[in-house]
Amino acid sequence: MSAIMTLVVYASAAFAEIAGCFAVWAWMRRGASALWLFPGVLSLVAFAWLLALSPSIFAGRAYAAYGGVYVAASLAWLWAVEGRRPDGWDAAGALLVLIGAATILFAPREG
């Protein structure tokens, strides 16, 4: 799997996870209808399926690398959906975790 396709898979998984979790958040914290839980559950199932497409042969490594993408995607969600622009500290933190995620996922390894 190419690096671009890996990024697409991880970004899609992040969107699905955040959307699913946000559905629960909206229901519990914002008083949204319980009907929000149905697409939320479907979204979380899509997240798990997408993450299983990771090119890593070890689940733990795939999840660790995904964590960095999740942080950056969460900040994009903050801005796009919740209307709150991330600040410089948010951007710096996202950059750090993305560098870590890339290091974990794409480092040359034996076997």
PDB file of N, CA and C in Angstrom:
ATOM      1  N   MET A   1       0.867  -1.180   0.000  1.00  0.00           N
ATOM      2  CA  MET A   1       0.000   0.000   0.000  1.00  0.00           C
ATOM      3  C   MET A   1       0.903   1.230   0.000  1.00  0.00           C
ATOM      4  N   SER A   2       0.613   2.161  -0.857  1.00  0.00           N
ATOM      5  CA  SER A   2       1.422   3.380  -0.936  1.00  0.00           C
ATOM      6  C   SER A   2       1.187   4.268   0.278  1.00  0.00           C
ATOM      7  N   ALA A   3       2.120   5.193   0.479  1.00  0.00           N
ATOM      8  CA  ALA A   3       1.994   6.129   1.603  1.00  0.00           C
ATOM      9  C   ALA A   3       0.733   6.977   1.459  1.00  0.00           C
ATOM     10  N   ILE A   4       0.400   7.350   0.235  1.00  0.00           N
ATOM     11  CA  ILE A   4      -0.809   8.165   0.004  1.00  0.00           C
ATOM     12  C   ILE A   4      -2.059   7.370   0.374  1.00  0.00           C
ATOM     13  N   MET A   5      -2.121   6.110  -0.068  1.00  0.00           N
ATOM     14  CA  MET A   5      -3.297   5.288   0.253  1.00  0.00           C
ATOM     15  C   MET A   5      -3.386   5.029   1.761  1.00  0.00           C
ATOM     16  N   THR A   6      -2.243   4.852   2.399  1.00  0.00           N
ATOM     17  CA  THR A   6      -2.234   4.668   3.850  1.00  0.00           C
ATOM     18  C   THR A   6      -2.804   5.896   4.537  1.00  0.00           C
ATOM     19  N   LEU A   7      -2.394   7.073   4.086  1.00  0.00           N
ATOM     20  CA  LEU A   7      -2.920   8.313   4.662  1.00  0.00           C
ATOM     21  C   LEU A   7      -4.424   8.423   4.431  1.00  0.00           C
ATOM     22  N   VAL A   8      -4.888   8.042   3.250  1.00  0.00           N
ATOM     23  CA  VAL A   8      -6.325   8.081   2.952  1.00  0.00           C
ATOM     24  C   VAL A   8      -7.087   7.134   3.888  1.00  0.00           C
ATOM     25  N   VAL A   9      -6.552   5.919   4.075  1.00  0.00           N
ATOM     26  CA  VAL A   9      -7.205   4.956   4.968  1.00  0.00           C
ATOM     27  C   VAL A   9      -7.251   5.503   6.395  1.00  0.00           C
ATOM     28  N   TYR A  10      -6.123   6.016   6.884  1.00  0.00           N
ATOM     29  CA  TYR A  10      -6.082   6.526   8.255  1.00  0.00           C
ATOM     30  C   TYR A  10      -6.969   7.759   8.421  1.00  0.00           C
ATOM     31  N   ALA A  11      -6.952   8.654   7.456  1.00  0.00           N
ATOM     32  CA  ALA A  11      -7.796   9.850   7.553  1.00  0.00           C
ATOM     33  C   ALA A  11      -9.273   9.473   7.520  1.00  0.00           C
ATOM     34  N   SER A  12      -9.629   8.512   6.681  1.00  0.00           N
ATOM     35  CA  SER A  12     -11.022   8.051   6.623  1.00  0.00           C
ATOM     36  C   SER A  12     -11.424   7.383   7.929  1.00  0.00           C
ATOM     37  N   ALA A  13     -10.519   6.572   8.483  1.00  0.00           N
ATOM     38  CA  ALA A  13     -10.802   5.929   9.772  1.00  0.00           C
ATOM     39  C   ALA A  13     -10.987   6.978  10.859  1.00  0.00           C
ATOM     40  N   ALA A  14     -10.139   7.998  10.844  1.00  0.00           N
ATOM     41  CA  ALA A  14     -10.249   9.058  11.849  1.00  0.00           C
ATOM     42  C   ALA A  14     -11.585   9.784  11.735  1.00  0.00           C
ATOM     43  N   PHE A  15     -11.972  10.127  10.518  1.00  0.00           N
ATOM     44  CA  PHE A  15     -13.263  10.801  10.335  1.00  0.00           C
ATOM     45  C   PHE A  15     -14.401   9.923  10.848  1.00  0.00           C
ATOM     46  N   ALA A  16     -14.351   8.628  10.519  1.00  0.00           N
ATOM     47  CA  ALA A  16     -15.420   7.722  10.958  1.00  0.00           C
ATOM     48  C   ALA A  16     -15.455   7.605  12.481  1.00  0.00           C
ATOM     49  N   GLU A  17     -14.277   7.498  13.108  1.00  0.00           N
ATOM     50  CA  GLU A  17     -14.250   7.384  14.568  1.00  0.00           C
ATOM     51  C   GLU A  17     -14.747   8.665  15.230  1.00  0.00           C
ATOM     52  N   ILE A  18     -14.279   9.787  14.756  1.00  0.00           N
ATOM     53  CA  ILE A  18     -14.683  11.058  15.359  1.00  0.00           C
ATOM     54  C   ILE A  18     -16.176  11.288  15.164  1.00  0.00           C
ATOM     55  N   ALA A  19     -16.690  10.988  13.977  1.00  0.00           N
ATOM     56  CA  ALA A  19     -18.129  11.160  13.722  1.00  0.00           C
ATOM     57  C   ALA A  19     -18.954  10.261  14.642  1.00  0.00           C
ATOM     58  N   GLY A  20     -18.512   9.016  14.813  1.00  0.00           N
ATOM     59  CA  GLY A  20     -19.234   8.097  15.690  1.00  0.00           C
ATOM     60  C   GLY A  20     -19.220   8.559  17.134  1.00  0.00           C
ATOM     61  N   CYS A  21     -18.062   8.971  17.593  1.00  0.00           N
ATOM     62  CA  CYS A  21     -17.952   9.462  18.973  1.00  0.00           C
ATOM     63  C   CYS A  21     -18.719  10.772  19.152  1.00  0.00           C
ATOM     64  N   PHE A  22     -18.698  11.617  18.128  1.00  0.00           N
ATOM     65  CA  PHE A  22     -19.424  12.884  18.218  1.00  0.00           C
ATOM     66  C   PHE A  22     -20.934  12.649  18.312  1.00  0.00           C
ATOM     67  N   ALA A  23     -21.421  11.589  17.648  1.00  0.00           N
ATOM     68  CA  ALA A  23     -22.853  11.280  17.736  1.00  0.00           C
ATOM     69  C   ALA A  23     -23.240  10.988  19.186  1.00  0.00           C
ATOM     70  N   VAL A  24     -22.408  10.229  19.891  1.00  0.00           N
ATOM     71  CA  VAL A  24     -22.671   9.953  21.309  1.00  0.00           C
ATOM     72  C   VAL A  24     -22.555  11.242  22.118  1.00  0.00           C
ATOM     73  N   TRP A  25     -21.528  12.042  21.827  1.00  0.00           N
ATOM     74  CA  TRP A  25     -21.321  13.325  22.512  1.00  0.00           C
ATOM     75  C   TRP A  25     -22.558  14.218  22.328  1.00  0.00           C
ATOM     76  N   ALA A  26     -23.058  14.292  21.089  1.00  0.00           N
ATOM     77  CA  ALA A  26     -24.219  15.139  20.813  1.00  0.00           C
ATOM     78  C   ALA A  26     -25.440  14.667  21.591  1.00  0.00           C
ATOM     79  N   TRP A  27     -25.613  13.363  21.667  1.00  0.00           N
ATOM     80  CA  TRP A  27     -26.751  12.807  22.398  1.00  0.00           C
ATOM     81  C   TRP A  27     -26.621  13.055  23.905  1.00  0.00           C
ATOM     82  N   MET A  28     -25.437  12.762  24.447  1.00  0.00           N
ATOM     83  CA  MET A  28     -25.260  12.875  25.901  1.00  0.00           C
ATOM     84  C   MET A  28     -25.053  14.304  26.387  1.00  0.00           C
ATOM     85  N   ARG A  29     -24.305  15.087  25.638  1.00  0.00           N
ATOM     86  CA  ARG A  29     -23.889  16.398  26.143  1.00  0.00           C
ATOM     87  C   ARG A  29     -24.661  17.564  25.546  1.00  0.00           C
ATOM     88  N   ARG A  30     -25.242  17.354  24.371  1.00  0.00           N
ATOM     89  CA  ARG A  30     -25.946  18.458  23.716  1.00  0.00           C
ATOM     90  C   ARG A  30     -27.450  18.249  23.613  1.00  0.00           C
ATOM     91  N   GLY A  31     -27.934  17.136  24.137  1.00  0.00           N
ATOM     92  CA  GLY A  31     -29.371  16.881  24.134  1.00  0.00           C
ATOM     93  C   GLY A  31     -29.937  16.477  22.791  1.00  0.00           C
ATOM     94  N   ALA A  32     -29.102  15.978  21.886  1.00  0.00           N
ATOM     95  CA  ALA A  32     -29.595  15.528  20.583  1.00  0.00           C
ATOM     96  C   ALA A  32     -30.426  14.256  20.768  1.00  0.00           C
ATOM     97  N   SER A  33     -31.222  13.944  19.789  1.00  0.00           N
ATOM     98  CA  SER A  33     -32.064  12.757  19.813  1.00  0.00           C
ATOM     99  C   SER A  33     -31.198  11.493  19.908  1.00  0.00           C
ATOM    100  N   ALA A  34     -31.757  10.477  20.548  1.00  0.00           N
ATOM    101  CA  ALA A  34     -31.072   9.183  20.620  1.00  0.00           C
ATOM    102  C   ALA A  34     -30.910   8.562  19.237  1.00  0.00           C
ATOM    103  N   LEU A  35     -31.647   9.048  18.272  1.00  0.00           N
ATOM    104  CA  LEU A  35     -31.495   8.552  16.899  1.00  0.00           C
ATOM    105  C   LEU A  35     -30.094   8.822  16.350  1.00  0.00           C
ATOM    106  N   TRP A  36     -29.389   9.769  16.931  1.00  0.00           N
ATOM    107  CA  TRP A  36     -28.002  10.038  16.541  1.00  0.00           C
ATOM    108  C   TRP A  36     -27.123   8.812  16.773  1.00  0.00           C
ATOM    109  N   LEU A  37     -27.538   7.934  17.690  1.00  0.00           N
ATOM    110  CA  LEU A  37     -26.715   6.776  18.023  1.00  0.00           C
ATOM    111  C   LEU A  37     -26.643   5.758  16.889  1.00  0.00           C
ATOM    112  N   PHE A  38     -27.667   5.664  16.073  1.00  0.00           N
ATOM    113  CA  PHE A  38     -27.647   4.690  14.974  1.00  0.00           C
ATOM    114  C   PHE A  38     -26.555   4.987  13.948  1.00  0.00           C
ATOM    115  N   PRO A  39     -26.507   6.192  13.377  1.00  0.00           N
ATOM    116  CA  PRO A  39     -25.385   6.460  12.462  1.00  0.00           C
ATOM    117  C   PRO A  39     -24.046   6.485  13.193  1.00  0.00           C
ATOM    118  N   GLY A  40     -24.071   6.813  14.481  1.00  0.00           N
ATOM    119  CA  GLY A  40     -22.838   6.797  15.259  1.00  0.00           C
ATOM    120  C   GLY A  40     -22.243   5.400  15.343  1.00  0.00           C
ATOM    121  N   VAL A  41     -23.097   4.410  15.614  1.00  0.00           N
ATOM    122  CA  VAL A  41     -22.617   3.025  15.690  1.00  0.00           C
ATOM    123  C   VAL A  41     -22.113   2.563  14.327  1.00  0.00           C
ATOM    124  N   LEU A  42     -22.832   2.874  13.278  1.00  0.00           N
ATOM    125  CA  LEU A  42     -22.382   2.500  11.925  1.00  0.00           C
ATOM    126  C   LEU A  42     -21.040   3.145  11.606  1.00  0.00           C
ATOM    127  N   SER A  43     -20.882   4.362  12.019  1.00  0.00           N
ATOM    128  CA  SER A  43     -19.632   5.066  11.789  1.00  0.00           C
ATOM    129  C   SER A  43     -18.477   4.408  12.536  1.00  0.00           C
ATOM    130  N   LEU A  44     -18.721   3.964  13.754  1.00  0.00           N
ATOM    131  CA  LEU A  44     -17.676   3.296  14.535  1.00  0.00           C
ATOM    132  C   LEU A  44     -17.317   1.925  13.949  1.00  0.00           C
ATOM    133  N   VAL A  45     -18.300   1.236  13.380  1.00  0.00           N
ATOM    134  CA  VAL A  45     -18.009  -0.022  12.694  1.00  0.00           C
ATOM    135  C   VAL A  45     -17.144   0.260  11.460  1.00  0.00           C
ATOM    136  N   ALA A  46     -17.474   1.301  10.723  1.00  0.00           N
ATOM    137  CA  ALA A  46     -16.664   1.682   9.557  1.00  0.00           C
ATOM    138  C   ALA A  46     -15.244   2.029   9.976  1.00  0.00           C
ATOM    139  N   PHE A  47     -15.106   2.713  11.093  1.00  0.00           N
ATOM    140  CA  PHE A  47     -13.776   3.045  11.621  1.00  0.00           C
ATOM    141  C   PHE A  47     -12.947   1.787  11.837  1.00  0.00           C
ATOM    142  N   ALA A  48     -13.500   0.804  12.520  1.00  0.00           N
ATOM    143  CA  ALA A  48     -12.753  -0.423  12.813  1.00  0.00           C
ATOM    144  C   ALA A  48     -12.376  -1.153  11.531  1.00  0.00           C
ATOM    145  N   TRP A  49     -13.285  -1.206  10.591  1.00  0.00           N
ATOM    146  CA  TRP A  49     -13.010  -1.864   9.300  1.00  0.00           C
ATOM    147  C   TRP A  49     -11.894  -1.134   8.561  1.00  0.00           C
ATOM    148  N   LEU A  50     -11.974   0.177   8.511  1.00  0.00           N
ATOM    149  CA  LEU A  50     -10.946   0.956   7.808  1.00  0.00           C
ATOM    150  C   LEU A  50      -9.580   0.802   8.465  1.00  0.00           C
ATOM    151  N   LEU A  51      -9.529   0.838   9.773  1.00  0.00           N
ATOM    152  CA  LEU A  51      -8.247   0.717  10.454  1.00  0.00           C
ATOM    153  C   LEU A  51      -7.618  -0.655  10.211  1.00  0.00           C
ATOM    154  N   ALA A  52      -8.455  -1.675  10.030  1.00  0.00           N
ATOM    155  CA  ALA A  52      -7.938  -3.009   9.734  1.00  0.00           C
ATOM    156  C   ALA A  52      -7.275  -3.080   8.354  1.00  0.00           C
ATOM    157  N   LEU A  53      -7.485  -2.078   7.520  1.00  0.00           N
ATOM    158  CA  LEU A  53      -6.852  -2.023   6.201  1.00  0.00           C
ATOM    159  C   LEU A  53      -5.424  -1.484   6.256  1.00  0.00           C
ATOM    160  N   SER A  54      -4.970  -1.087   7.419  1.00  0.00           N
ATOM    161  CA  SER A  54      -3.623  -0.545   7.573  1.00  0.00           C
ATOM    162  C   SER A  54      -2.590  -1.527   7.029  1.00  0.00           C
ATOM    163  N   PRO A  55      -1.514  -1.003   6.433  1.00  0.00           N
ATOM    164  CA  PRO A  55      -0.496  -1.898   5.880  1.00  0.00           C
ATOM    165  C   PRO A  55       0.380  -2.570   6.932  1.00  0.00           C
ATOM    166  N   SER A  56       0.301  -2.169   8.171  1.00  0.00           N
ATOM    167  CA  SER A  56       1.123  -2.762   9.213  1.00  0.00           C
ATOM    168  C   SER A  56       0.697  -4.205   9.456  1.00  0.00           C
ATOM    169  N   ILE A  57       1.670  -5.084   9.671  1.00  0.00           N
ATOM    170  CA  ILE A  57       1.312  -6.472   9.955  1.00  0.00           C
ATOM    171  C   ILE A  57       0.989  -6.681  11.435  1.00  0.00           C
ATOM    172  N   PHE A  58       1.237  -5.677  12.255  1.00  0.00           N
ATOM    173  CA  PHE A  58       0.937  -5.750  13.681  1.00  0.00           C
ATOM    174  C   PHE A  58      -0.116  -4.711  14.041  1.00  0.00           C
ATOM    175  N   ALA A  59      -1.165  -5.154  14.708  1.00  0.00           N
ATOM    176  CA  ALA A  59      -2.258  -4.252  15.079  1.00  0.00           C
ATOM    177  C   ALA A  59      -1.773  -3.125  15.982  1.00  0.00           C
ATOM    178  N   GLY A  60      -0.943  -3.452  16.958  1.00  0.00           N
ATOM    179  CA  GLY A  60      -0.464  -2.426  17.885  1.00  0.00           C
ATOM    180  C   GLY A  60       0.275  -1.306  17.193  1.00  0.00           C
ATOM    181  N   ARG A  61       1.086  -1.648  16.206  1.00  0.00           N
ATOM    182  CA  ARG A  61       1.817  -0.628  15.458  1.00  0.00           C
ATOM    183  C   ARG A  61       0.852   0.204  14.609  1.00  0.00           C
ATOM    184  N   ALA A  62      -0.124  -0.454  14.004  1.00  0.00           N
ATOM    185  CA  ALA A  62      -1.119   0.272  13.213  1.00  0.00           C
ATOM    186  C   ALA A  62      -1.881   1.256  14.091  1.00  0.00           C
ATOM    187  N   TYR A  63      -2.268   0.813  15.293  1.00  0.00           N
ATOM    188  CA  TYR A  63      -3.030   1.679  16.195  1.00  0.00           C
ATOM    189  C   TYR A  63      -2.175   2.837  16.698  1.00  0.00           C
ATOM    190  N   ALA A  64      -0.916   2.560  16.970  1.00  0.00           N
ATOM    191  CA  ALA A  64      -0.019   3.619  17.449  1.00  0.00           C
ATOM    192  C   ALA A  64       0.160   4.699  16.389  1.00  0.00           C
ATOM    193  N   ALA A  65       0.389   4.274  15.153  1.00  0.00           N
ATOM    194  CA  ALA A  65       0.555   5.247  14.065  1.00  0.00           C
ATOM    195  C   ALA A  65      -0.752   6.003  13.817  1.00  0.00           C
ATOM    196  N   TYR A  66      -1.875   5.290  13.893  1.00  0.00           N
ATOM    197  CA  TYR A  66      -3.175   5.921  13.699  1.00  0.00           C
ATOM    198  C   TYR A  66      -3.428   7.024  14.727  1.00  0.00           C
ATOM    199  N   GLY A  67      -2.911   6.845  15.926  1.00  0.00           N
ATOM    200  CA  GLY A  67      -3.132   7.834  16.981  1.00  0.00           C
ATOM    201  C   GLY A  67      -2.725   9.237  16.574  1.00  0.00           C
ATOM    202  N   GLY A  68      -1.620   9.359  15.865  1.00  0.00           N
ATOM    203  CA  GLY A  68      -1.183  10.675  15.405  1.00  0.00           C
ATOM    204  C   GLY A  68      -2.142  11.283  14.399  1.00  0.00           C
ATOM    205  N   VAL A  69      -2.624  10.442  13.497  1.00  0.00           N
ATOM    206  CA  VAL A  69      -3.588  10.925  12.500  1.00  0.00           C
ATOM    207  C   VAL A  69      -4.883  11.339  13.197  1.00  0.00           C
ATOM    208  N   TYR A  70      -5.283  10.577  14.202  1.00  0.00           N
ATOM    209  CA  TYR A  70      -6.497  10.891  14.952  1.00  0.00           C
ATOM    210  C   TYR A  70      -6.405  12.262  15.611  1.00  0.00           C
ATOM    211  N   VAL A  71      -5.253  12.571  16.201  1.00  0.00           N
ATOM    212  CA  VAL A  71      -5.074  13.874  16.855  1.00  0.00           C
ATOM    213  C   VAL A  71      -5.254  14.999  15.835  1.00  0.00           C
ATOM    214  N   ALA A  72      -4.588  14.889  14.703  1.00  0.00           N
ATOM    215  CA  ALA A  72      -4.692  15.934  13.678  1.00  0.00           C
ATOM    216  C   ALA A  72      -6.121  16.034  13.135  1.00  0.00           C
ATOM    217  N   ALA A  73      -6.752  14.889  12.906  1.00  0.00           N
ATOM    218  CA  ALA A  73      -8.125  14.897  12.397  1.00  0.00           C
ATOM    219  C   ALA A  73      -9.093  15.490  13.420  1.00  0.00           C
ATOM    220  N   SER A  74      -8.845  15.248  14.691  1.00  0.00           N
ATOM    221  CA  SER A  74      -9.703  15.821  15.731  1.00  0.00           C
ATOM    222  C   SER A  74      -9.646  17.338  15.730  1.00  0.00           C
ATOM    223  N   LEU A  75      -8.465  17.869  15.474  1.00  0.00           N
ATOM    224  CA  LEU A  75      -8.326  19.330  15.404  1.00  0.00           C
ATOM    225  C   LEU A  75      -8.997  19.883  14.147  1.00  0.00           C
ATOM    226  N   ALA A  76      -8.943  19.133  13.065  1.00  0.00           N
ATOM    227  CA  ALA A  76      -9.673  19.544  11.853  1.00  0.00           C
ATOM    228  C   ALA A  76     -11.180  19.533  12.128  1.00  0.00           C
ATOM    229  N   TRP A  77     -11.658  18.533  12.858  1.00  0.00           N
ATOM    230  CA  TRP A  77     -13.071  18.453  13.244  1.00  0.00           C
ATOM    231  C   TRP A  77     -13.448  19.649  14.111  1.00  0.00           C
ATOM    232  N   LEU A  78     -12.578  19.972  15.066  1.00  0.00           N
ATOM    233  CA  LEU A  78     -12.796  21.123  15.937  1.00  0.00           C
ATOM    234  C   LEU A  78     -13.090  22.372  15.116  1.00  0.00           C
ATOM    235  N   TRP A  79     -12.311  22.548  14.067  1.00  0.00           N
ATOM    236  CA  TRP A  79     -12.446  23.736  13.228  1.00  0.00           C
ATOM    237  C   TRP A  79     -13.645  23.630  12.285  1.00  0.00           C
ATOM    238  N   ALA A  80     -13.737  22.519  11.548  1.00  0.00           N
ATOM    239  CA  ALA A  80     -14.759  22.391  10.504  1.00  0.00           C
ATOM    240  C   ALA A  80     -16.174  22.197  11.054  1.00  0.00           C
ATOM    241  N   VAL A  81     -16.313  21.426  12.111  1.00  0.00           N
ATOM    242  CA  VAL A  81     -17.649  21.081  12.608  1.00  0.00           C
ATOM    243  C   VAL A  81     -18.050  21.929  13.809  1.00  0.00           C
ATOM    244  N   GLU A  82     -17.102  22.159  14.718  1.00  0.00           N
ATOM    245  CA  GLU A  82     -17.446  22.875  15.931  1.00  0.00           C
ATOM    246  C   GLU A  82     -17.166  24.369  15.854  1.00  0.00           C
ATOM    247  N   GLY A  83     -16.557  24.797  14.761  1.00  0.00           N
ATOM    248  CA  GLY A  83     -16.361  26.220  14.537  1.00  0.00           C
ATOM    249  C   GLY A  83     -15.297  26.884  15.399  1.00  0.00           C
ATOM    250  N   ARG A  84     -14.412  26.107  15.973  1.00  0.00           N
ATOM    251  CA  ARG A  84     -13.349  26.657  16.819  1.00  0.00           C
ATOM    252  C   ARG A  84     -12.006  26.408  16.152  1.00  0.00           C
ATOM    253  N   ARG A  85     -11.346  27.474  15.751  1.00  0.00           N
ATOM    254  CA  ARG A  85     -10.072  27.351  15.053  1.00  0.00           C
ATOM    255  C   ARG A  85      -8.972  26.909  16.017  1.00  0.00           C
ATOM    256  N   PRO A  86      -8.223  25.835  15.647  1.00  0.00           N
ATOM    257  CA  PRO A  86      -7.103  25.416  16.496  1.00  0.00           C
ATOM    258  C   PRO A  86      -6.060  26.523  16.605  1.00  0.00           C
ATOM    259  N   ASP A  87      -5.401  26.608  17.750  1.00  0.00           N
ATOM    260  CA  ASP A  87      -4.377  27.634  17.919  1.00  0.00           C
ATOM    261  C   ASP A  87      -3.000  27.068  17.557  1.00  0.00           C
ATOM    262  N   GLY A  88      -1.988  27.869  17.735  1.00  0.00           N
ATOM    263  CA  GLY A  88      -0.625  27.467  17.385  1.00  0.00           C
ATOM    264  C   GLY A  88      -0.141  26.266  18.168  1.00  0.00           C
ATOM    265  N   TRP A  89      -0.543  26.170  19.426  1.00  0.00           N
ATOM    266  CA  TRP A  89      -0.159  25.017  20.243  1.00  0.00           C
ATOM    267  C   TRP A  89      -0.803  23.748  19.713  1.00  0.00           C
ATOM    268  N   ASP A  90      -2.051  23.858  19.289  1.00  0.00           N
ATOM    269  CA  ASP A  90      -2.729  22.708  18.678  1.00  0.00           C
ATOM    270  C   ASP A  90      -1.978  22.256  17.429  1.00  0.00           C
ATOM    271  N   ALA A  91      -1.629  23.212  16.586  1.00  0.00           N
ATOM    272  CA  ALA A  91      -0.924  22.891  15.335  1.00  0.00           C
ATOM    273  C   ALA A  91       0.443  22.270  15.616  1.00  0.00           C
ATOM    274  N   ALA A  92       1.162  22.811  16.582  1.00  0.00           N
ATOM    275  CA  ALA A  92       2.477  22.262  16.929  1.00  0.00           C
ATOM    276  C   ALA A  92       2.342  20.829  17.452  1.00  0.00           C
ATOM    277  N   GLY A  93       1.375  20.604  18.296  1.00  0.00           N
ATOM    278  CA  GLY A  93       1.152  19.256  18.822  1.00  0.00           C
ATOM    279  C   GLY A  93       0.776  18.272  17.727  1.00  0.00           C
ATOM    280  N   ALA A  94      -0.089  18.724  16.814  1.00  0.00           N
ATOM    281  CA  ALA A  94      -0.481  17.854  15.699  1.00  0.00           C
ATOM    282  C   ALA A  94       0.723  17.500  14.832  1.00  0.00           C
ATOM    283  N   LEU A  95       1.571  18.473  14.562  1.00  0.00           N
ATOM    284  CA  LEU A  95       2.765  18.211  13.769  1.00  0.00           C
ATOM    285  C   LEU A  95       3.669  17.187  14.461  1.00  0.00           C
ATOM    286  N   LEU A  96       3.846  17.336  15.754  1.00  0.00           N
ATOM    287  CA  LEU A  96       4.680  16.389  16.509  1.00  0.00           C
ATOM    288  C   LEU A  96       4.143  14.962  16.438  1.00  0.00           C
ATOM    289  N   VAL A  97       2.854  14.810  16.648  1.00  0.00           N
ATOM    290  CA  VAL A  97       2.310  13.454  16.642  1.00  0.00           C
ATOM    291  C   VAL A  97       2.284  12.855  15.235  1.00  0.00           C
ATOM    292  N   LEU A  98       2.115  13.708  14.210  1.00  0.00           N
ATOM    293  CA  LEU A  98       2.158  13.185  12.838  1.00  0.00           C
ATOM    294  C   LEU A  98       3.562  12.715  12.471  1.00  0.00           C
ATOM    295  N   ILE A  99       4.570  13.441  12.931  1.00  0.00           N
ATOM    296  CA  ILE A  99       5.950  12.995  12.709  1.00  0.00           C
ATOM    297  C   ILE A  99       6.168  11.656  13.418  1.00  0.00           C
ATOM    298  N   GLY A 100       5.665  11.540  14.630  1.00  0.00           N
ATOM    299  CA  GLY A 100       5.779  10.279  15.358  1.00  0.00           C
ATOM    300  C   GLY A 100       5.045   9.149  14.656  1.00  0.00           C
ATOM    301  N   ALA A 101       3.842   9.427  14.163  1.00  0.00           N
ATOM    302  CA  ALA A 101       3.061   8.406  13.470  1.00  0.00           C
ATOM    303  C   ALA A 101       3.784   7.928  12.208  1.00  0.00           C
ATOM    304  N   ALA A 102       4.328   8.859  11.437  1.00  0.00           N
ATOM    305  CA  ALA A 102       5.054   8.494  10.223  1.00  0.00           C
ATOM    306  C   ALA A 102       6.299   7.676  10.555  1.00  0.00           C
ATOM    307  N   THR A 103       6.969   8.049  11.622  1.00  0.00           N
ATOM    308  CA  THR A 103       8.158   7.302  12.047  1.00  0.00           C
ATOM    309  C   THR A 103       7.789   5.863  12.399  1.00  0.00           C
ATOM    310  N   ILE A 104       6.733   5.689  13.148  1.00  0.00           N
ATOM    311  CA  ILE A 104       6.292   4.352  13.547  1.00  0.00           C
ATOM    312  C   ILE A 104       5.896   3.520  12.329  1.00  0.00           C
ATOM    313  N   LEU A 105       5.104   4.097  11.449  1.00  0.00           N
ATOM    314  CA  LEU A 105       4.531   3.325  10.353  1.00  0.00           C
ATOM    315  C   LEU A 105       5.508   3.067   9.214  1.00  0.00           C
ATOM    316  N   PHE A 106       6.340   4.038   8.884  1.00  0.00           N
ATOM    317  CA  PHE A 106       7.164   3.923   7.676  1.00  0.00           C
ATOM    318  C   PHE A 106       8.647   3.655   7.926  1.00  0.00           C
ATOM    319  N   ALA A 107       9.037   3.460   9.174  1.00  0.00           N
ATOM    320  CA  ALA A 107      10.447   3.174   9.462  1.00  0.00           C
ATOM    321  C   ALA A 107      10.856   1.852   8.806  1.00  0.00           C
ATOM    322  N   PRO A 108      12.066   1.814   8.255  1.00  0.00           N
ATOM    323  CA  PRO A 108      12.526   0.542   7.662  1.00  0.00           C
ATOM    324  C   PRO A 108      12.752  -0.484   8.770  1.00  0.00           C
ATOM    325  N   ARG A 109      12.193  -1.650   8.602  1.00  0.00           N
ATOM    326  CA  ARG A 109      12.323  -2.693   9.606  1.00  0.00           C
ATOM    327  C   ARG A 109      12.706  -4.009   8.935  1.00  0.00           C
ATOM    328  N   GLU A 110      13.355  -4.842   9.684  1.00  0.00           N
ATOM    329  CA  GLU A 110      13.671  -6.180   9.191  1.00  0.00           C
ATOM    330  C   GLU A 110      12.480  -7.091   9.448  1.00  0.00           C
ATOM    331  N   GLY A 111      12.235  -7.968   8.505  1.00  0.00           N
ATOM    332  CA  GLY A 111      11.184  -8.978   8.678  1.00  0.00           C
ATOM    333  C   GLY A 111       9.878  -8.393   8.631  1.00  0.00           C
TER     334      GLY A 111
END
